[in-house]
Amino acid sequence: MRRTLLIIAVAFQVLVLAFIAGKREYIARTGDVVYLRTAPIDPRDLFRGDYVRLRYEASIVPLARASADIAEQMKKYAFGETVYAALEKGEGGLAEVTGLSTTRPASGIFIKGRLAQAWRFGTVAPETAAVEYGIEAYYVQEGKGLEIEKQQGMRTTIQTPLEMEVALGGDGTAVIRGLRWSPLGMGLEAIESPSMGNPQGRRSARLRLTLKNASPKPMAIVNLDCSLSLEPLSVGRSVVVPEQAACRGISPTDNDVLVLQPEELRSYEIDLAARQWHVLQNGVLTETGALPWNERFRLVYHPPSSEAAGHLKDAAIIWHGRLLSRAFHGRGNVD
């Protein structure tokens, strides 16, 4: 009798595993495909062989994009609660989270996940929800994990984002199908800040942002003055980035286009003390360097769309997309 029960239990487990494997294979073959941008964290699992731990941009969702029930779940420390992130595809199939809820969306593309503790992603940003989607590990051949980490770049250098190809099932279940590298890399460093010694009484830092053509072909970037914007990391309730009026309605010209050859770099200095980089804190125009330490930002390179730049001479090689810098505080502390 015991032997029969043991056989039944083993057979049941095998059937469950076979069902799960079959479902994942079906999703990989038939699911909607999106790309999620990530950065490797740790290249090696000593017990299971080489793998890359992944943190996605979609893993940290501002509460401003979440439904009220998400905030309530976080107050109850309901980690593990099933949630659904609505996605919107951008250039090249790269997807961003546009909403987060405990209710499954009735339409559109979405990915299913679970609320997680923020420290698992190395962040303590306020007004955000951390989400795991079950695709945080990507297993590779022995030795390849370190190669991926090297190609992606260190935090203190120019980083080339890794973009995972993900298939989505009808219920939002995600399955990794492969990976690709962003053709554009970015680096950010402080070149002058109060912490470096500041005889002029500077409150906000000067930064150097560098873009790199990480593709094997020539690539064009457009008008760094109006293609760069400031984004609050937590999309907080008290800090708002005003619209850059000087860039409103401007159509790019050929003089705004810079062609980068493979591996070529373009650096751009940003003085956060300049008025164009000021933010509104409770309605008052303020330097970012004067804000509390928990107010952090990213610089976003977001050139004109392919439609808006279609008349340009080098339109065919212009990179279109949205690339975020590392997080920083206005006084120059870069993550």
Protein backbone atom coordinates (compact mmCIF):
# COMPACT_ATOMS: atom_id res chain seq x y z
CA MET A 1 0.00 0.00 0.00
CA ARG A 2 2.75 2.45 0.94
CA ARG A 3 4.60 1.61 -2.25
CA THR A 4 1.48 2.33 -4.30
CA LEU A 5 0.96 5.68 -2.56
CA LEU A 6 4.61 6.58 -3.14
CA ILE A 7 4.32 5.76 -6.84
CA ILE A 8 1.15 7.84 -7.11
CA ALA A 9 2.82 10.79 -5.32
CA VAL A 10 5.88 10.65 -7.57
CA ALA A 11 3.75 10.33 -10.69
CA PHE A 12 1.67 13.32 -9.60
CA GLN A 13 4.78 15.45 -9.12
CA VAL A 14 6.11 14.41 -12.52
CA LEU A 15 2.78 15.34 -14.14
CA VAL A 16 2.78 18.74 -12.43
CA LEU A 17 6.33 19.47 -13.58
CA ALA A 18 5.46 18.30 -17.09
CA PHE A 19 2.40 20.56 -17.12
CA ILE A 20 4.44 23.57 -15.98
CA ALA A 21 7.17 22.88 -18.54
CA GLY A 22 4.56 22.39 -21.27
CA LYS A 23 2.79 25.62 -20.36
CA ARG A 24 6.04 27.59 -20.44
CA GLU A 25 6.99 26.08 -23.80
CA TYR A 26 3.57 26.96 -25.20
CA ILE A 27 3.88 30.56 -23.97
CA ALA A 28 7.41 30.83 -25.41
CA ARG A 29 6.07 29.74 -28.81
CA THR A 30 2.77 31.60 -28.96
CA GLY A 31 2.81 34.47 -26.42
CA ASP A 32 2.98 38.19 -27.12
CA VAL A 33 6.63 39.21 -27.28
CA VAL A 34 8.02 42.31 -25.57
CA TYR A 35 11.48 43.44 -24.50
CA LEU A 36 12.15 44.45 -20.89
CA ARG A 37 15.28 46.44 -20.09
CA THR A 38 17.42 45.15 -17.25
CA ALA A 39 20.84 45.24 -15.61
CA PRO A 40 22.71 42.14 -14.35
CA ILE A 41 23.29 41.95 -10.60
CA ASP A 42 25.26 38.79 -9.85
CA PRO A 43 26.82 36.50 -12.51
CA ARG A 44 27.16 33.20 -10.64
CA ASP A 45 25.08 30.71 -8.68
CA LEU A 46 27.57 28.31 -7.12
CA PHE A 47 24.93 25.63 -6.63
CA ARG A 48 23.21 25.64 -10.03
CA GLY A 49 25.87 26.80 -12.44
CA ASP A 50 26.24 30.14 -14.19
CA TYR A 51 23.30 32.49 -14.33
CA VAL A 52 22.57 36.19 -14.41
CA ARG A 53 20.30 37.69 -11.79
CA LEU A 54 18.15 40.35 -13.38
CA ARG A 55 16.61 43.55 -12.12
CA TYR A 56 14.18 45.12 -14.56
CA GLU A 57 13.25 48.76 -14.92
CA ALA A 58 9.71 47.39 -14.64
CA SER A 59 10.56 45.90 -11.23
CA ILE A 60 10.29 49.30 -9.51
CA VAL A 61 6.93 50.94 -10.19
CA PRO A 62 6.08 54.46 -8.93
CA LEU A 63 2.92 54.42 -6.83
CA ALA A 64 1.68 57.28 -9.01
CA ARG A 65 1.15 54.60 -11.69
CA ALA A 66 -0.44 52.09 -9.30
CA SER A 67 -4.02 51.67 -8.18
CA ALA A 68 -5.02 52.52 -4.62
CA ASP A 69 -5.22 48.87 -3.63
CA ILE A 70 -1.48 48.46 -4.22
CA ALA A 71 -0.67 51.09 -1.61
CA GLU A 72 -3.07 49.39 0.80
CA GLN A 73 -1.38 46.02 0.25
CA MET A 74 2.03 47.57 0.92
CA LYS A 75 0.77 49.10 4.18
CA LYS A 76 -0.23 45.58 5.23
CA TYR A 77 3.19 44.23 4.17
CA ALA A 78 1.33 41.88 1.83
CA PHE A 79 4.47 40.76 0.01
CA GLY A 80 3.72 37.89 -2.36
CA GLU A 81 0.36 39.36 -3.37
CA THR A 82 -0.35 38.76 -7.08
CA VAL A 83 -0.31 41.95 -9.15
CA TYR A 84 -0.64 42.81 -12.82
CA ALA A 85 1.49 45.42 -14.61
CA ALA A 86 -0.01 46.97 -17.74
CA LEU A 87 2.61 47.41 -20.47
CA GLU A 88 2.98 49.71 -23.43
CA LYS A 89 5.29 48.86 -26.31
CA GLY A 90 7.66 51.54 -27.54
CA GLU A 91 10.33 51.68 -30.23
CA GLY A 92 11.79 48.27 -31.04
CA GLY A 93 9.24 46.44 -28.91
CA LEU A 94 10.71 47.80 -25.65
CA ALA A 95 7.92 47.85 -23.06
CA GLU A 96 7.29 50.12 -20.07
CA VAL A 97 4.89 49.78 -17.18
CA THR A 98 1.93 52.16 -17.43
CA GLY A 99 -0.15 50.82 -14.54
CA LEU A 100 -0.10 48.35 -11.66
CA SER A 101 -3.08 46.71 -9.97
CA THR A 102 -4.19 43.60 -8.11
CA THR A 103 -6.94 43.27 -10.73
CA ARG A 104 -6.19 41.55 -14.02
CA PRO A 105 -6.59 44.01 -16.94
CA ALA A 106 -9.54 43.35 -19.23
CA SER A 107 -7.49 44.20 -22.33
CA GLY A 108 -4.05 45.17 -23.56
CA ILE A 109 -0.63 43.70 -22.84
CA PHE A 110 0.20 42.93 -19.22
CA ILE A 111 2.60 40.88 -17.11
CA LYS A 112 1.79 39.04 -13.88
CA GLY A 113 4.02 39.38 -10.84
CA ARG A 114 4.11 39.50 -7.06
CA LEU A 115 4.76 42.34 -4.65
CA ALA A 116 8.28 42.07 -3.24
CA GLN A 117 10.39 43.77 -0.62
CA ALA A 118 12.25 46.74 -2.11
CA TRP A 119 15.62 45.82 -0.56
CA ARG A 120 15.75 42.78 -2.85
CA PHE A 121 16.35 45.20 -5.72
CA GLY A 122 18.85 47.38 -3.88
CA THR A 123 16.51 50.34 -3.67
CA VAL A 124 14.79 52.23 -0.88
CA ALA A 125 13.14 54.83 -3.11
CA PRO A 126 9.97 56.25 -1.55
CA GLU A 127 6.56 56.08 -3.21
CA THR A 128 7.41 52.97 -5.23
CA ALA A 129 6.31 49.36 -5.35
CA ALA A 130 8.75 46.50 -6.00
CA VAL A 131 7.54 43.63 -8.17
CA GLU A 132 9.01 40.24 -9.12
CA TYR A 133 7.81 38.61 -12.33
CA GLY A 134 9.38 35.16 -12.03
CA ILE A 135 12.00 35.98 -14.69
CA GLU A 136 14.71 37.36 -12.41
CA ALA A 137 17.23 34.63 -13.27
CA TYR A 138 18.63 33.82 -16.72
CA TYR A 139 20.74 30.69 -16.91
CA VAL A 140 23.62 30.59 -19.38
CA GLN A 141 26.46 28.29 -20.35
CA GLU A 142 29.35 27.87 -17.90
CA GLY A 143 31.49 31.02 -17.92
CA LYS A 144 29.05 33.16 -19.93
CA GLY A 145 27.63 34.95 -16.90
CA LEU A 146 30.82 36.87 -16.31
CA GLU A 147 31.04 37.71 -20.02
CA ILE A 148 27.57 39.24 -19.90
CA GLU A 149 28.45 41.28 -16.81
CA LYS A 150 31.64 42.53 -18.50
CA GLN A 151 29.83 43.55 -21.68
CA GLN A 152 27.12 45.33 -19.69
CA GLY A 153 29.72 47.47 -17.92
CA MET A 154 30.37 48.55 -14.35
CA ARG A 155 28.28 51.09 -12.45
CA THR A 156 31.15 53.59 -12.54
CA THR A 157 31.60 53.36 -16.32
CA ILE A 158 29.43 53.51 -19.41
CA GLN A 159 26.75 50.83 -19.21
CA THR A 160 25.08 49.10 -22.13
CA PRO A 161 21.61 47.97 -21.07
CA LEU A 162 20.60 44.34 -21.47
CA GLU A 163 17.10 43.84 -22.92
CA MET A 164 15.37 40.52 -22.32
CA GLU A 165 13.03 39.05 -24.91
CA VAL A 166 9.95 37.96 -22.96
CA ALA A 167 6.86 36.06 -24.12
CA LEU A 168 3.60 36.71 -22.26
CA GLY A 169 0.80 34.20 -21.79
CA GLY A 170 -2.88 35.11 -21.76
CA ASP A 171 -2.82 35.26 -17.95
CA GLY A 172 0.30 37.45 -17.88
CA THR A 173 2.78 34.65 -17.13
CA ALA A 174 6.22 35.65 -18.45
CA VAL A 175 8.81 33.38 -20.06
CA ILE A 176 12.29 34.52 -21.19
CA ARG A 177 13.01 33.66 -24.83
CA GLY A 178 16.37 35.36 -25.30
CA LEU A 179 18.26 38.62 -24.97
CA ARG A 180 19.69 41.49 -26.93
CA TRP A 181 21.87 44.48 -26.13
CA SER A 182 20.75 48.07 -26.43
CA PRO A 183 22.64 49.72 -29.31
CA LEU A 184 23.14 52.81 -27.13
CA GLY A 185 25.09 52.92 -23.86
CA MET A 186 25.15 55.67 -21.25
CA GLY A 187 27.46 56.85 -18.47
CA LEU A 188 27.01 59.52 -15.81
CA GLU A 189 29.52 61.14 -13.46
CA ALA A 190 29.75 64.22 -11.26
CA ILE A 191 32.52 66.60 -12.32
CA GLU A 192 31.82 69.34 -9.76
CA SER A 193 29.74 69.10 -6.61
CA PRO A 194 29.54 70.47 -3.04
CA SER A 195 31.07 67.25 -1.73
CA MET A 196 34.18 67.82 -3.87
CA GLY A 197 34.95 71.16 -2.21
CA ASN A 198 33.08 74.20 -3.34
CA PRO A 199 34.56 77.66 -2.78
CA GLN A 200 31.82 79.29 -4.85
CA GLY A 201 29.08 77.98 -2.58
CA ARG A 202 27.55 75.79 -5.26
CA ARG A 203 24.43 73.90 -4.13
CA SER A 204 23.90 71.73 -7.22
CA ALA A 205 26.37 69.60 -9.13
CA ARG A 206 27.72 69.69 -12.65
CA LEU A 207 27.37 66.31 -14.33
CA ARG A 208 28.88 64.72 -17.40
CA LEU A 209 26.56 62.44 -19.37
CA THR A 210 28.17 60.27 -22.05
CA LEU A 211 26.43 58.33 -24.82
CA LYS A 212 28.18 55.49 -26.62
CA ASN A 213 27.35 53.78 -29.90
CA ALA A 214 27.47 50.16 -28.70
CA SER A 215 26.29 48.78 -32.05
CA PRO A 216 28.47 47.59 -34.96
CA LYS A 217 27.01 50.21 -37.31
CA PRO A 218 26.97 54.03 -37.47
CA MET A 219 24.21 55.53 -35.33
CA ALA A 220 22.82 59.05 -35.07
CA ILE A 221 21.69 60.91 -31.93
CA VAL A 222 19.58 64.07 -31.98
CA ASN A 223 19.81 67.46 -30.29
CA LEU A 224 21.00 66.69 -26.78
CA ASP A 225 19.63 70.02 -25.44
CA CYS A 226 16.01 69.13 -26.10
CA SER A 227 16.39 65.35 -26.11
CA LEU A 228 17.44 65.30 -22.45
CA SER A 229 14.98 65.62 -19.59
CA LEU A 230 14.95 65.21 -15.83
CA GLU A 231 12.78 62.54 -14.20
CA PRO A 232 12.12 62.15 -10.46
CA LEU A 233 13.05 58.62 -9.44
CA SER A 234 10.02 58.09 -7.23
CA VAL A 235 7.60 60.39 -9.08
CA GLY A 236 6.99 61.92 -5.68
CA ARG A 237 4.02 64.05 -4.74
CA SER A 238 5.96 67.18 -3.70
CA VAL A 239 8.50 67.46 -6.55
CA VAL A 240 7.46 68.11 -10.15
CA VAL A 241 9.67 68.68 -13.18
CA PRO A 242 8.29 71.60 -15.22
CA GLU A 243 8.03 71.27 -18.97
CA GLN A 244 10.96 72.75 -20.93
CA ALA A 245 9.13 75.53 -22.72
CA ALA A 246 12.16 76.31 -24.92
CA CYS A 247 11.88 72.87 -26.53
CA ARG A 248 8.11 72.85 -27.05
CA GLY A 249 7.15 72.47 -30.70
CA ILE A 250 10.73 72.54 -32.03
CA SER A 251 11.32 70.45 -35.15
CA PRO A 252 14.85 68.99 -35.41
CA THR A 253 17.12 69.99 -38.26
CA ASP A 254 20.12 68.27 -39.82
CA ASN A 255 22.35 70.50 -37.65
CA ASP A 256 20.88 68.81 -34.57
CA VAL A 257 22.00 65.34 -35.69
CA LEU A 258 25.32 63.81 -34.67
CA VAL A 259 26.48 60.55 -36.27
CA LEU A 260 28.49 58.26 -33.99
CA GLN A 261 30.68 55.53 -35.42
CA PRO A 262 30.83 52.14 -33.62
CA GLU A 263 32.34 52.57 -30.11
CA GLU A 264 32.38 56.38 -30.53
CA LEU A 265 31.42 58.51 -27.50
CA ARG A 266 29.62 61.82 -27.11
CA SER A 267 29.80 63.66 -23.78
CA TYR A 268 27.53 66.44 -22.62
CA GLU A 269 27.92 68.60 -19.51
CA ILE A 270 24.86 69.47 -17.43
CA ASP A 271 24.91 72.23 -14.82
CA LEU A 272 22.08 71.40 -12.42
CA ALA A 273 22.31 74.97 -11.09
CA ALA A 274 20.96 76.24 -14.43
CA ARG A 275 17.30 77.23 -14.41
CA GLN A 276 16.32 74.67 -17.05
CA TRP A 277 17.11 71.87 -14.56
CA HIS A 278 15.20 73.37 -11.61
CA VAL A 279 12.14 71.58 -10.26
CA LEU A 280 8.96 72.64 -8.51
CA GLN A 281 8.83 71.73 -4.83
CA ASN A 282 5.36 72.46 -3.48
CA GLY A 283 4.98 75.01 -6.26
CA VAL A 284 8.32 76.77 -5.66
CA LEU A 285 11.08 76.66 -8.29
CA THR A 286 14.05 74.98 -6.58
CA GLU A 287 17.52 73.66 -7.41
CA THR A 288 17.75 69.88 -7.10
CA GLY A 289 20.82 70.30 -4.90
CA ALA A 290 18.69 72.09 -2.29
CA LEU A 291 16.26 69.17 -1.94
CA PRO A 292 16.32 66.53 0.83
CA TRP A 293 18.62 63.55 0.27
CA ASN A 294 15.74 61.18 -0.50
CA GLU A 295 14.80 63.18 -3.61
CA ARG A 296 16.68 61.50 -6.43
CA PHE A 297 16.49 61.79 -10.20
CA ARG A 298 17.50 60.26 -13.50
CA LEU A 299 18.41 61.95 -16.75
CA VAL A 300 16.46 60.60 -19.71
CA TYR A 301 17.67 60.65 -23.29
CA HIS A 302 14.54 60.58 -25.42
CA PRO A 303 15.06 61.90 -28.97
CA PRO A 304 12.25 62.88 -31.35
CA SER A 305 10.11 60.04 -32.70
CA SER A 306 10.78 58.45 -36.07
CA GLU A 307 7.83 60.43 -37.46
CA ALA A 308 9.13 63.77 -36.16
CA ALA A 309 12.65 63.07 -37.48
CA GLY A 310 11.63 61.43 -40.75
CA HIS A 311 12.60 64.47 -42.86
CA LEU A 312 16.23 64.47 -41.71
CA LYS A 313 19.13 63.37 -43.91
CA ASP A 314 20.28 60.67 -41.48
CA ALA A 315 16.77 59.60 -40.43
CA ALA A 316 17.46 55.96 -41.28
CA ILE A 317 20.20 55.60 -38.63
CA ILE A 318 18.74 57.73 -35.82
CA TRP A 319 18.26 55.78 -32.59
CA HIS A 320 14.73 56.14 -31.24
CA GLY A 321 13.90 55.04 -27.76
CA ARG A 322 14.20 56.06 -24.13
CA LEU A 323 17.40 55.56 -22.14
CA LEU A 324 17.73 56.35 -18.43
CA SER A 325 20.86 57.33 -16.55
CA ARG A 326 21.88 56.03 -13.14
CA ALA A 327 20.06 57.66 -10.25
CA PHE A 328 21.58 60.74 -8.62
CA HIS A 329 20.91 63.51 -6.11
CA GLY A 330 21.22 67.11 -7.20
CA ARG A 331 24.35 67.58 -5.07
CA GLY A 332 26.19 65.08 -7.26
CA ASN A 333 25.88 61.73 -5.46
CA VAL A 334 25.53 59.22 -8.33
CA ASP A 335 24.44 55.64 -7.62
